[in-house]
N, C-alpha and C. Protein backbone atom coordinates (compact mmCIF):
# COMPACT_ATOMS: atom_id res chain seq x y z
N MET A 1 27.85 -3.83 0.57
CA MET A 1 26.44 -3.47 0.57
C MET A 1 25.73 -4.34 -0.45
N GLY A 2 24.55 -4.80 -0.17
CA GLY A 2 23.80 -5.62 -1.10
C GLY A 2 22.79 -6.46 -0.37
N ASP A 3 22.20 -7.41 -1.06
CA ASP A 3 21.19 -8.27 -0.45
C ASP A 3 21.87 -9.49 0.15
N LEU A 4 21.41 -9.87 1.32
CA LEU A 4 21.88 -11.08 1.95
C LEU A 4 20.73 -12.07 1.86
N VAL A 5 20.95 -13.18 1.17
CA VAL A 5 19.88 -14.15 0.94
C VAL A 5 20.08 -15.33 1.86
N LEU A 6 19.07 -15.63 2.66
CA LEU A 6 19.14 -16.74 3.60
C LEU A 6 18.15 -17.80 3.17
N SER A 7 18.59 -19.02 3.20
CA SER A 7 17.71 -20.11 2.80
C SER A 7 17.10 -20.76 4.02
N ASN A 8 15.81 -20.88 4.03
CA ASN A 8 15.12 -21.59 5.09
C ASN A 8 14.88 -23.01 4.58
N MET A 9 15.74 -23.93 5.00
CA MET A 9 15.73 -25.27 4.41
C MET A 9 14.43 -26.02 4.68
N SER A 10 13.80 -25.76 5.82
CA SER A 10 12.58 -26.52 6.12
C SER A 10 11.44 -26.15 5.18
N SER A 11 11.38 -24.89 4.78
CA SER A 11 10.28 -24.48 3.90
C SER A 11 10.73 -24.28 2.46
N LYS A 12 12.04 -24.48 2.21
CA LYS A 12 12.61 -24.33 0.85
C LYS A 12 12.34 -22.94 0.30
N ARG A 13 12.37 -21.95 1.18
CA ARG A 13 12.13 -20.58 0.75
C ARG A 13 13.37 -19.75 1.00
N LEU A 14 13.47 -18.66 0.27
CA LEU A 14 14.59 -17.74 0.46
C LEU A 14 14.09 -16.48 1.15
N LEU A 15 14.87 -16.02 2.10
CA LEU A 15 14.55 -14.78 2.78
C LEU A 15 15.63 -13.78 2.41
N THR A 16 15.24 -12.68 1.82
CA THR A 16 16.21 -11.68 1.38
C THR A 16 16.19 -10.50 2.34
N LEU A 17 17.35 -10.20 2.90
CA LEU A 17 17.48 -9.03 3.75
C LEU A 17 18.07 -7.91 2.91
N LYS A 18 17.32 -6.86 2.72
CA LYS A 18 17.75 -5.77 1.84
C LYS A 18 18.82 -4.91 2.50
N ARG A 19 19.80 -4.50 1.69
CA ARG A 19 20.79 -3.48 2.03
C ARG A 19 21.52 -3.75 3.33
N LYS A 20 22.00 -4.96 3.50
CA LYS A 20 22.78 -5.27 4.69
C LYS A 20 24.25 -5.32 4.32
N TYR A 21 25.06 -4.65 5.12
CA TYR A 21 26.50 -4.63 4.90
C TYR A 21 27.10 -5.75 5.72
N PHE A 22 27.81 -6.66 5.06
CA PHE A 22 28.44 -7.78 5.75
C PHE A 22 29.88 -7.86 5.29
N PRO A 23 30.82 -7.32 6.09
CA PRO A 23 32.20 -7.17 5.63
C PRO A 23 33.05 -8.43 5.70
N TYR A 24 32.47 -9.53 6.19
CA TYR A 24 33.27 -10.74 6.38
C TYR A 24 32.85 -11.82 5.40
N PRO A 25 33.81 -12.66 4.95
CA PRO A 25 33.43 -13.76 4.06
C PRO A 25 32.59 -14.79 4.81
N LEU A 26 31.64 -15.38 4.11
CA LEU A 26 30.77 -16.37 4.73
C LEU A 26 31.22 -17.77 4.34
N ASP A 27 31.31 -18.64 5.34
CA ASP A 27 31.58 -20.06 5.08
C ASP A 27 30.26 -20.72 4.79
N LYS A 28 30.13 -21.32 3.61
CA LYS A 28 28.84 -21.92 3.25
C LYS A 28 28.49 -23.10 4.14
N GLY A 29 29.49 -23.73 4.73
CA GLY A 29 29.22 -24.89 5.57
C GLY A 29 28.77 -24.53 6.97
N LYS A 30 28.92 -23.25 7.34
CA LYS A 30 28.60 -22.85 8.71
C LYS A 30 27.19 -22.27 8.79
N ASP A 31 26.58 -22.46 9.95
CA ASP A 31 25.27 -21.86 10.19
C ASP A 31 25.44 -20.37 10.42
N LEU A 32 24.50 -19.61 9.92
CA LEU A 32 24.52 -18.17 10.10
C LEU A 32 23.35 -17.80 11.00
N GLN A 33 23.64 -17.13 12.11
CA GLN A 33 22.59 -16.69 13.01
C GLN A 33 22.15 -15.28 12.62
N VAL A 34 20.86 -15.07 12.65
CA VAL A 34 20.33 -13.74 12.35
C VAL A 34 19.64 -13.22 13.60
N HIS A 35 20.04 -12.03 14.03
CA HIS A 35 19.39 -11.37 15.15
C HIS A 35 18.74 -10.10 14.61
N ILE A 36 17.50 -9.89 14.95
CA ILE A 36 16.74 -8.77 14.42
C ILE A 36 16.54 -7.75 15.53
N PHE A 37 16.97 -6.53 15.26
CA PHE A 37 16.84 -5.46 16.25
C PHE A 37 15.85 -4.42 15.73
N CYS A 38 14.98 -4.00 16.62
CA CYS A 38 14.07 -2.92 16.24
C CYS A 38 13.97 -1.96 17.41
N ASP A 39 13.78 -0.68 17.10
CA ASP A 39 13.64 0.29 18.18
C ASP A 39 12.17 0.61 18.45
N ALA A 40 11.29 -0.19 17.85
CA ALA A 40 9.86 -0.03 18.11
C ALA A 40 9.52 -0.75 19.41
N SER A 41 8.27 -0.69 19.78
CA SER A 41 7.83 -1.35 21.01
C SER A 41 7.81 -2.85 20.79
N PRO A 42 7.60 -3.64 21.85
CA PRO A 42 7.49 -5.10 21.67
C PRO A 42 6.35 -5.51 20.76
N LYS A 43 5.46 -4.57 20.42
CA LYS A 43 4.37 -4.89 19.50
C LYS A 43 4.78 -4.67 18.05
N ALA A 44 6.09 -4.64 17.81
CA ALA A 44 6.59 -4.48 16.44
C ALA A 44 6.20 -5.70 15.63
N PHE A 45 6.46 -5.65 14.30
CA PHE A 45 6.01 -6.71 13.40
C PHE A 45 6.33 -8.11 13.91
N GLY A 46 7.54 -8.31 14.38
CA GLY A 46 7.93 -9.66 14.76
C GLY A 46 7.26 -10.16 16.01
N ALA A 47 6.81 -9.23 16.86
CA ALA A 47 6.24 -9.65 18.13
C ALA A 47 4.73 -9.63 18.15
N GLY A 48 4.14 -8.79 17.31
CA GLY A 48 2.69 -8.62 17.35
C GLY A 48 1.92 -9.82 16.85
N ASN A 49 0.68 -9.90 17.27
CA ASN A 49 -0.21 -10.96 16.81
C ASN A 49 -0.76 -10.58 15.44
N ALA A 50 -0.53 -11.42 14.45
CA ALA A 50 -0.91 -11.09 13.07
C ALA A 50 -2.40 -10.79 12.93
N SER A 51 -3.23 -11.41 13.75
CA SER A 51 -4.68 -11.22 13.62
C SER A 51 -5.12 -9.81 14.01
N ASN A 52 -4.22 -9.06 14.67
CA ASN A 52 -4.58 -7.70 15.08
C ASN A 52 -4.41 -6.67 13.96
N TYR A 53 -3.86 -7.11 12.83
CA TYR A 53 -3.58 -6.17 11.75
C TYR A 53 -4.53 -6.40 10.58
N LYS A 54 -4.61 -5.40 9.70
CA LYS A 54 -5.41 -5.56 8.49
C LYS A 54 -4.71 -6.54 7.56
N GLN A 55 -5.43 -7.01 6.55
CA GLN A 55 -4.99 -8.13 5.71
C GLN A 55 -3.57 -7.99 5.17
N PHE A 56 -3.26 -6.86 4.53
CA PHE A 56 -1.95 -6.69 3.90
C PHE A 56 -0.84 -6.76 4.94
N VAL A 57 -1.00 -5.99 6.04
CA VAL A 57 0.01 -5.99 7.10
C VAL A 57 0.07 -7.35 7.76
N SER A 58 -1.09 -7.96 7.97
CA SER A 58 -1.14 -9.28 8.59
C SER A 58 -0.33 -10.30 7.80
N ASN A 59 -0.44 -10.26 6.47
CA ASN A 59 0.34 -11.19 5.63
C ASN A 59 1.83 -10.97 5.79
N ARG A 60 2.27 -9.70 5.90
CA ARG A 60 3.70 -9.42 6.08
C ARG A 60 4.17 -9.92 7.45
N VAL A 61 3.32 -9.72 8.48
CA VAL A 61 3.68 -10.16 9.82
C VAL A 61 3.83 -11.68 9.85
N ILE A 62 2.87 -12.38 9.23
CA ILE A 62 2.93 -13.85 9.19
C ILE A 62 4.20 -14.30 8.48
N GLU A 63 4.57 -13.63 7.39
CA GLU A 63 5.78 -13.99 6.65
C GLU A 63 7.03 -13.79 7.50
N ILE A 64 7.09 -12.66 8.21
CA ILE A 64 8.24 -12.39 9.07
C ILE A 64 8.31 -13.42 10.19
N GLN A 65 7.16 -13.70 10.81
CA GLN A 65 7.15 -14.64 11.93
C GLN A 65 7.47 -16.06 11.49
N SER A 66 7.08 -16.43 10.26
CA SER A 66 7.36 -17.79 9.79
C SER A 66 8.83 -17.97 9.42
N ASN A 67 9.54 -16.87 9.18
CA ASN A 67 10.96 -16.94 8.82
C ASN A 67 11.88 -16.54 9.96
N SER A 68 11.33 -16.33 11.13
CA SER A 68 12.17 -15.98 12.27
C SER A 68 11.56 -16.58 13.53
N ASP A 69 12.37 -16.62 14.55
CA ASP A 69 11.94 -17.16 15.83
C ASP A 69 11.84 -16.00 16.81
N PRO A 70 10.91 -16.03 17.76
CA PRO A 70 10.82 -14.92 18.72
C PRO A 70 12.14 -14.62 19.42
N SER A 71 12.97 -15.65 19.61
CA SER A 71 14.25 -15.41 20.29
C SER A 71 15.23 -14.64 19.41
N ASP A 72 14.94 -14.53 18.10
CA ASP A 72 15.81 -13.76 17.20
C ASP A 72 15.57 -12.25 17.33
N TRP A 73 14.45 -11.89 17.93
CA TRP A 73 14.06 -10.48 17.99
C TRP A 73 14.56 -9.83 19.26
N HIS A 74 15.11 -8.63 19.11
CA HIS A 74 15.63 -7.88 20.26
C HIS A 74 15.22 -6.42 20.14
N HIS A 75 14.99 -5.83 21.28
CA HIS A 75 14.66 -4.41 21.29
C HIS A 75 15.94 -3.60 21.45
N CYS A 76 16.05 -2.57 20.63
CA CYS A 76 17.19 -1.66 20.70
C CYS A 76 16.63 -0.26 20.86
N SER A 77 16.98 0.41 21.94
CA SER A 77 16.39 1.73 22.18
C SER A 77 16.79 2.71 21.08
N GLY A 78 16.00 3.74 20.90
CA GLY A 78 16.25 4.71 19.84
C GLY A 78 17.61 5.35 19.93
N ARG A 79 18.09 5.63 21.16
CA ARG A 79 19.40 6.28 21.28
C ARG A 79 20.53 5.34 20.93
N GLU A 80 20.27 4.02 20.90
CA GLU A 80 21.30 3.06 20.52
C GLU A 80 21.12 2.56 19.09
N ASN A 81 20.24 3.21 18.34
CA ASN A 81 19.99 2.83 16.96
C ASN A 81 20.72 3.81 16.04
N PRO A 82 21.79 3.36 15.36
CA PRO A 82 22.54 4.29 14.51
C PRO A 82 21.71 4.87 13.37
N ALA A 83 20.68 4.16 12.93
CA ALA A 83 19.85 4.67 11.84
C ALA A 83 19.14 5.96 12.25
N ASP A 84 18.95 6.16 13.55
CA ASP A 84 18.28 7.36 14.03
C ASP A 84 19.14 8.62 13.89
N TYR A 85 20.44 8.45 13.64
CA TYR A 85 21.31 9.61 13.43
C TYR A 85 20.74 10.53 12.36
N VAL A 86 20.31 9.94 11.27
CA VAL A 86 19.81 10.73 10.14
C VAL A 86 18.54 11.46 10.54
N SER A 87 17.63 10.76 11.22
CA SER A 87 16.36 11.40 11.60
C SER A 87 16.56 12.46 12.67
N ARG A 88 17.69 12.41 13.39
CA ARG A 88 17.96 13.45 14.40
C ARG A 88 18.57 14.70 13.77
N GLY A 89 18.86 14.64 12.49
CA GLY A 89 19.40 15.81 11.80
C GLY A 89 20.90 15.99 11.95
N GLU A 90 21.62 14.91 12.24
CA GLU A 90 23.09 15.01 12.33
C GLU A 90 23.67 15.37 10.97
N ASN A 91 24.75 16.17 10.98
CA ASN A 91 25.35 16.54 9.69
C ASN A 91 26.20 15.39 9.15
N LEU A 92 26.49 15.46 7.86
CA LEU A 92 27.18 14.38 7.16
C LEU A 92 28.55 14.08 7.75
N GLU A 93 29.29 15.12 8.11
CA GLU A 93 30.64 14.92 8.65
C GLU A 93 30.60 14.13 9.96
N THR A 94 29.65 14.46 10.82
CA THR A 94 29.49 13.74 12.09
C THR A 94 29.18 12.27 11.83
N ILE A 95 28.30 12.02 10.88
CA ILE A 95 27.91 10.63 10.58
C ILE A 95 29.09 9.84 10.02
N ILE A 96 29.82 10.43 9.07
CA ILE A 96 30.94 9.72 8.43
C ILE A 96 32.02 9.38 9.45
N ASN A 97 32.28 10.28 10.39
CA ASN A 97 33.35 10.06 11.38
C ASN A 97 32.88 9.31 12.61
N SER A 98 31.65 8.85 12.60
CA SER A 98 31.10 8.20 13.79
C SER A 98 31.32 6.69 13.76
N GLN A 99 32.01 6.19 14.78
CA GLN A 99 32.17 4.74 14.94
C GLN A 99 30.81 4.10 15.22
N PHE A 100 29.98 4.84 15.93
CA PHE A 100 28.65 4.34 16.27
C PHE A 100 27.83 4.10 15.01
N TRP A 101 27.92 5.02 14.04
CA TRP A 101 27.20 4.88 12.77
C TRP A 101 27.71 3.67 12.00
N MET A 102 29.03 3.48 11.97
CA MET A 102 29.63 2.41 11.17
C MET A 102 29.49 1.04 11.81
N HIS A 103 29.54 0.98 13.14
CA HIS A 103 29.61 -0.33 13.81
C HIS A 103 28.48 -0.60 14.79
N GLY A 104 27.64 0.39 15.05
CA GLY A 104 26.54 0.17 15.98
C GLY A 104 27.00 0.29 17.42
N PRO A 105 26.12 -0.02 18.37
CA PRO A 105 26.48 0.09 19.78
C PRO A 105 27.63 -0.86 20.14
N GLN A 106 28.39 -0.47 21.15
CA GLN A 106 29.57 -1.24 21.57
C GLN A 106 29.21 -2.68 21.94
N TRP A 107 28.08 -2.87 22.63
CA TRP A 107 27.72 -4.20 23.11
C TRP A 107 27.43 -5.17 21.97
N LEU A 108 27.17 -4.64 20.78
CA LEU A 108 26.86 -5.49 19.64
C LEU A 108 28.07 -6.30 19.18
N ARG A 109 29.28 -5.82 19.54
CA ARG A 109 30.50 -6.53 19.15
C ARG A 109 30.95 -7.53 20.20
N THR A 110 30.11 -7.76 21.18
CA THR A 110 30.41 -8.78 22.20
C THR A 110 29.53 -9.99 21.95
N THR A 111 29.73 -11.03 22.71
CA THR A 111 28.90 -12.23 22.57
C THR A 111 27.49 -11.95 23.09
N GLU A 112 26.56 -12.75 22.63
CA GLU A 112 25.15 -12.51 22.94
C GLU A 112 24.89 -12.50 24.44
N ASN A 113 25.61 -13.34 25.18
CA ASN A 113 25.35 -13.41 26.63
C ASN A 113 25.79 -12.14 27.37
N LYS A 114 26.53 -11.25 26.67
CA LYS A 114 26.95 -9.99 27.28
C LYS A 114 26.07 -8.81 26.85
N TRP A 115 25.07 -9.08 26.02
CA TRP A 115 24.17 -8.02 25.60
C TRP A 115 23.31 -7.60 26.79
N PRO A 116 22.88 -6.36 26.82
CA PRO A 116 22.00 -5.92 27.92
C PRO A 116 20.77 -6.83 28.01
N LYS A 117 20.45 -7.21 29.23
CA LYS A 117 19.37 -8.19 29.43
C LYS A 117 18.00 -7.61 29.11
N ASN A 118 17.86 -6.31 29.22
CA ASN A 118 16.52 -5.73 29.03
C ASN A 118 16.19 -5.46 27.57
N LEU A 119 17.02 -5.96 26.64
CA LEU A 119 16.75 -5.70 25.23
C LEU A 119 15.74 -6.66 24.63
N ASN A 120 15.63 -7.86 25.18
CA ASN A 120 14.74 -8.85 24.57
C ASN A 120 13.29 -8.41 24.66
N CYS A 121 12.58 -8.56 23.57
CA CYS A 121 11.16 -8.19 23.54
C CYS A 121 10.34 -9.18 24.33
N ASP A 122 9.26 -8.72 24.91
CA ASP A 122 8.33 -9.59 25.60
C ASP A 122 7.30 -10.09 24.61
N PHE A 123 7.41 -11.36 24.24
CA PHE A 123 6.49 -11.92 23.24
C PHE A 123 5.24 -12.50 23.87
N SER A 124 5.17 -12.47 25.18
CA SER A 124 4.01 -13.07 25.83
C SER A 124 2.81 -12.13 25.80
N SER A 125 3.06 -10.87 25.49
CA SER A 125 1.96 -9.90 25.49
C SER A 125 0.95 -10.22 24.40
N THR A 126 -0.30 -10.29 24.79
CA THR A 126 -1.35 -10.57 23.81
C THR A 126 -2.30 -9.39 23.67
N ASP A 127 -1.84 -8.21 24.17
CA ASP A 127 -2.70 -7.04 24.05
C ASP A 127 -2.99 -6.76 22.59
N PRO A 128 -4.24 -6.46 22.27
CA PRO A 128 -4.54 -6.16 20.86
C PRO A 128 -3.88 -4.85 20.45
N CYS A 129 -3.54 -4.78 19.20
CA CYS A 129 -2.93 -3.57 18.65
C CYS A 129 -3.97 -2.46 18.67
N GLU A 130 -3.56 -1.28 19.16
CA GLU A 130 -4.50 -0.18 19.20
C GLU A 130 -4.85 0.26 17.79
N SER A 131 -6.12 0.34 17.52
CA SER A 131 -6.55 0.79 16.19
C SER A 131 -7.86 1.54 16.33
N GLU A 132 -8.08 2.44 15.44
CA GLU A 132 -9.32 3.20 15.43
C GLU A 132 -10.02 2.97 14.11
N GLU A 133 -11.32 2.86 14.18
CA GLU A 133 -12.10 2.69 12.96
C GLU A 133 -12.99 3.91 12.80
N HIS A 134 -12.90 4.54 11.66
CA HIS A 134 -13.70 5.74 11.40
C HIS A 134 -14.70 5.45 10.30
N VAL A 135 -15.92 5.93 10.49
CA VAL A 135 -16.94 5.81 9.46
C VAL A 135 -17.26 7.22 8.98
N PHE A 136 -17.12 7.44 7.69
CA PHE A 136 -17.40 8.75 7.11
C PHE A 136 -18.67 8.67 6.28
N THR A 137 -19.52 9.66 6.42
CA THR A 137 -20.74 9.74 5.62
C THR A 137 -20.65 10.97 4.73
N PHE A 138 -20.90 10.76 3.46
CA PHE A 138 -20.85 11.87 2.52
C PHE A 138 -22.23 12.06 1.90
N ALA A 139 -22.61 13.30 1.73
CA ALA A 139 -23.87 13.61 1.04
C ALA A 139 -23.54 14.40 -0.21
N CYS A 140 -24.09 14.00 -1.33
CA CYS A 140 -23.86 14.72 -2.58
C CYS A 140 -25.20 15.16 -3.14
N GLU A 141 -25.16 16.32 -3.72
CA GLU A 141 -26.34 16.81 -4.41
C GLU A 141 -26.03 16.79 -5.89
N LEU A 142 -26.82 16.03 -6.62
CA LEU A 142 -26.58 15.86 -8.05
C LEU A 142 -27.40 16.89 -8.81
N ASN A 143 -26.68 17.79 -9.48
CA ASN A 143 -27.36 18.78 -10.30
C ASN A 143 -27.26 18.36 -11.75
N THR A 144 -28.37 17.96 -12.33
CA THR A 144 -28.35 17.57 -13.74
C THR A 144 -29.12 18.62 -14.53
N ALA A 145 -28.38 19.37 -15.29
CA ALA A 145 -29.02 20.40 -16.11
C ALA A 145 -29.55 19.75 -17.38
N SER A 146 -30.80 20.05 -17.70
CA SER A 146 -31.41 19.48 -18.91
C SER A 146 -30.82 20.15 -20.14
N VAL A 147 -30.42 19.33 -21.10
CA VAL A 147 -29.94 19.86 -22.37
C VAL A 147 -31.11 20.43 -23.15
N ILE A 148 -32.22 19.73 -23.06
CA ILE A 148 -33.43 20.15 -23.79
C ILE A 148 -34.53 20.42 -22.76
N ASN A 149 -35.15 21.60 -22.84
CA ASN A 149 -36.22 21.97 -21.93
C ASN A 149 -37.53 21.34 -22.43
N LEU A 150 -38.02 20.34 -21.68
CA LEU A 150 -39.21 19.60 -22.11
C LEU A 150 -40.47 20.47 -22.19
N SER A 151 -40.53 21.51 -21.38
CA SER A 151 -41.74 22.35 -21.36
C SER A 151 -41.89 23.19 -22.64
N LYS A 152 -40.88 23.22 -23.47
CA LYS A 152 -40.94 24.02 -24.71
C LYS A 152 -41.60 23.27 -25.87
N PHE A 153 -41.95 22.00 -25.66
CA PHE A 153 -42.49 21.20 -26.77
C PHE A 153 -43.95 20.87 -26.53
N SER A 154 -44.74 21.04 -27.59
CA SER A 154 -46.19 20.80 -27.49
C SER A 154 -46.56 19.36 -27.77
N SER A 155 -45.62 18.59 -28.36
CA SER A 155 -45.95 17.19 -28.65
C SER A 155 -44.70 16.32 -28.48
N LEU A 156 -44.95 15.05 -28.25
CA LEU A 156 -43.87 14.08 -28.11
C LEU A 156 -43.08 13.96 -29.40
N GLN A 157 -43.79 14.04 -30.54
CA GLN A 157 -43.13 13.91 -31.85
C GLN A 157 -42.08 15.00 -32.05
N LYS A 158 -42.43 16.25 -31.69
CA LYS A 158 -41.48 17.35 -31.83
C LYS A 158 -40.27 17.14 -30.92
N LEU A 159 -40.55 16.71 -29.69
CA LEU A 159 -39.46 16.46 -28.73
C LEU A 159 -38.51 15.40 -29.26
N LEU A 160 -39.07 14.31 -29.82
CA LEU A 160 -38.23 13.23 -30.34
C LEU A 160 -37.39 13.70 -31.53
N ARG A 161 -37.98 14.52 -32.40
CA ARG A 161 -37.25 14.99 -33.58
C ARG A 161 -36.09 15.92 -33.19
N VAL A 162 -36.35 16.85 -32.26
CA VAL A 162 -35.29 17.78 -31.83
C VAL A 162 -34.17 17.01 -31.13
N THR A 163 -34.56 16.08 -30.27
CA THR A 163 -33.56 15.28 -29.56
C THR A 163 -32.76 14.44 -30.54
N SER A 164 -33.43 13.93 -31.57
CA SER A 164 -32.73 13.15 -32.60
C SER A 164 -31.68 13.99 -33.31
N TRP A 165 -32.02 15.27 -33.58
CA TRP A 165 -31.05 16.17 -34.21
C TRP A 165 -29.84 16.41 -33.29
N VAL A 166 -30.10 16.48 -32.00
CA VAL A 166 -28.99 16.65 -31.03
C VAL A 166 -28.08 15.43 -31.07
N PHE A 167 -28.70 14.23 -31.08
CA PHE A 167 -27.90 12.99 -31.17
C PHE A 167 -27.14 12.93 -32.49
N ARG A 168 -27.77 13.41 -33.57
CA ARG A 168 -27.12 13.44 -34.88
C ARG A 168 -25.88 14.34 -34.82
N PHE A 169 -26.05 15.51 -34.19
CA PHE A 169 -24.93 16.45 -34.06
C PHE A 169 -23.77 15.80 -33.29
N VAL A 170 -24.09 15.16 -32.17
CA VAL A 170 -23.06 14.50 -31.36
C VAL A 170 -22.36 13.42 -32.18
N HIS A 171 -23.14 12.64 -32.93
CA HIS A 171 -22.56 11.60 -33.79
C HIS A 171 -21.59 12.20 -34.80
N ASN A 172 -21.99 13.29 -35.45
CA ASN A 172 -21.15 13.92 -36.48
C ASN A 172 -19.87 14.51 -35.90
N VAL A 173 -19.95 15.03 -34.67
CA VAL A 173 -18.74 15.57 -34.02
C VAL A 173 -17.76 14.44 -33.71
N ARG A 174 -18.29 13.30 -33.27
CA ARG A 174 -17.44 12.16 -32.90
C ARG A 174 -16.93 11.38 -34.11
N ASN A 175 -17.63 11.46 -35.21
CA ASN A 175 -17.28 10.68 -36.41
C ASN A 175 -17.10 11.62 -37.60
N ARG A 176 -15.98 12.29 -37.63
CA ARG A 176 -15.76 13.30 -38.68
C ARG A 176 -15.77 12.70 -40.08
N PHE A 177 -15.36 11.45 -40.20
CA PHE A 177 -15.26 10.84 -41.53
C PHE A 177 -16.49 9.99 -41.87
N ASN A 178 -17.46 9.98 -40.99
CA ASN A 178 -18.68 9.21 -41.25
C ASN A 178 -19.90 10.04 -40.83
N LYS A 179 -19.95 11.25 -41.33
CA LYS A 179 -21.03 12.17 -40.94
C LYS A 179 -22.33 11.81 -41.65
N ARG A 180 -23.44 12.10 -40.94
CA ARG A 180 -24.77 11.93 -41.55
C ARG A 180 -25.30 13.31 -41.91
N SER A 181 -25.75 13.46 -43.13
CA SER A 181 -26.24 14.79 -43.56
C SER A 181 -27.64 14.73 -44.17
N ASP A 182 -28.18 13.54 -44.34
CA ASP A 182 -29.51 13.42 -44.94
C ASP A 182 -30.59 13.66 -43.88
N GLU A 183 -31.85 13.46 -44.27
CA GLU A 183 -32.97 13.62 -43.34
C GLU A 183 -32.87 12.59 -42.21
N LEU A 184 -33.51 12.90 -41.08
CA LEU A 184 -33.55 11.95 -39.97
C LEU A 184 -34.26 10.67 -40.40
N THR A 185 -33.75 9.56 -39.95
CA THR A 185 -34.41 8.29 -40.26
C THR A 185 -35.36 7.94 -39.12
N THR A 186 -36.30 7.06 -39.41
CA THR A 186 -37.23 6.60 -38.37
C THR A 186 -36.47 5.93 -37.24
N GLU A 187 -35.43 5.18 -37.62
CA GLU A 187 -34.62 4.48 -36.60
C GLU A 187 -33.98 5.47 -35.64
N GLU A 188 -33.45 6.59 -36.17
CA GLU A 188 -32.83 7.60 -35.30
C GLU A 188 -33.84 8.18 -34.32
N ILE A 189 -35.05 8.44 -34.83
CA ILE A 189 -36.09 9.03 -33.97
C ILE A 189 -36.51 8.06 -32.87
N TRP A 190 -36.70 6.79 -33.22
CA TRP A 190 -37.15 5.81 -32.24
C TRP A 190 -36.04 5.32 -31.31
N MET A 191 -34.78 5.67 -31.65
CA MET A 191 -33.67 5.32 -30.75
C MET A 191 -33.55 6.29 -29.58
N VAL A 192 -34.16 7.48 -29.71
CA VAL A 192 -34.05 8.49 -28.65
C VAL A 192 -34.55 7.97 -27.31
N PRO A 193 -35.81 7.46 -27.22
CA PRO A 193 -36.25 6.97 -25.91
C PRO A 193 -35.40 5.82 -25.38
N LYS A 194 -34.90 4.95 -26.30
CA LYS A 194 -34.06 3.83 -25.85
C LYS A 194 -32.75 4.34 -25.24
N ASN A 195 -32.23 5.44 -25.80
CA ASN A 195 -31.01 6.02 -25.24
C ASN A 195 -31.21 6.56 -23.83
N PHE A 196 -32.45 6.89 -23.51
CA PHE A 196 -32.76 7.37 -22.16
C PHE A 196 -33.35 6.26 -21.29
N GLY A 197 -33.39 5.04 -21.80
CA GLY A 197 -33.87 3.92 -21.01
C GLY A 197 -35.36 3.70 -21.07
N PHE A 198 -36.05 4.31 -22.02
CA PHE A 198 -37.50 4.12 -22.16
C PHE A 198 -37.79 3.25 -23.36
N ASN A 199 -38.85 2.46 -23.26
CA ASN A 199 -39.30 1.65 -24.39
C ASN A 199 -40.78 1.90 -24.63
N TYR A 200 -41.12 1.94 -25.89
CA TYR A 200 -42.55 2.10 -26.22
C TYR A 200 -43.24 0.76 -26.08
N ILE A 201 -44.53 0.83 -25.74
CA ILE A 201 -45.33 -0.40 -25.66
C ILE A 201 -45.94 -0.67 -27.01
């Protein structure tokens, strides 16, 4: 069990096949053929048109297609896919004692020309991938409760002074070691409108 790393000499790239069990020693001088089986429809990653997918999936499809040939891809029905044993809920004892689980379908141990003819995917299909696009509209109601009730003040000066004291309190809570305790400064009072985005003329 482990990664099988294949070198694509034309592009000088490595293709890593995750978690493939290969019980036989490999001769480095010999060519290694890779056949890819999927139990999905012919519109699976290797067969589908990359432009039919969103960007992330499209990039993966292009990568798979650039590292494989359409003739490498074969369709394997779900009942002949040993990986489906787990999804069918088979118990562990059945799986461990299953030759099918360990070695795959019987035809896989024969030469390629003896494989069922109907397994090859049809790559000529150019049907677009079925997709749905949904547009959602959300409405929000923003409730902003006023900290200071403006109708309680008879003059702008009083409003600015009270608001300045509120800002002073917030400053003192946030800066325990740098508290202000003296009278309000002119700068503090005139900073109030700026904090709300207003400027005096």
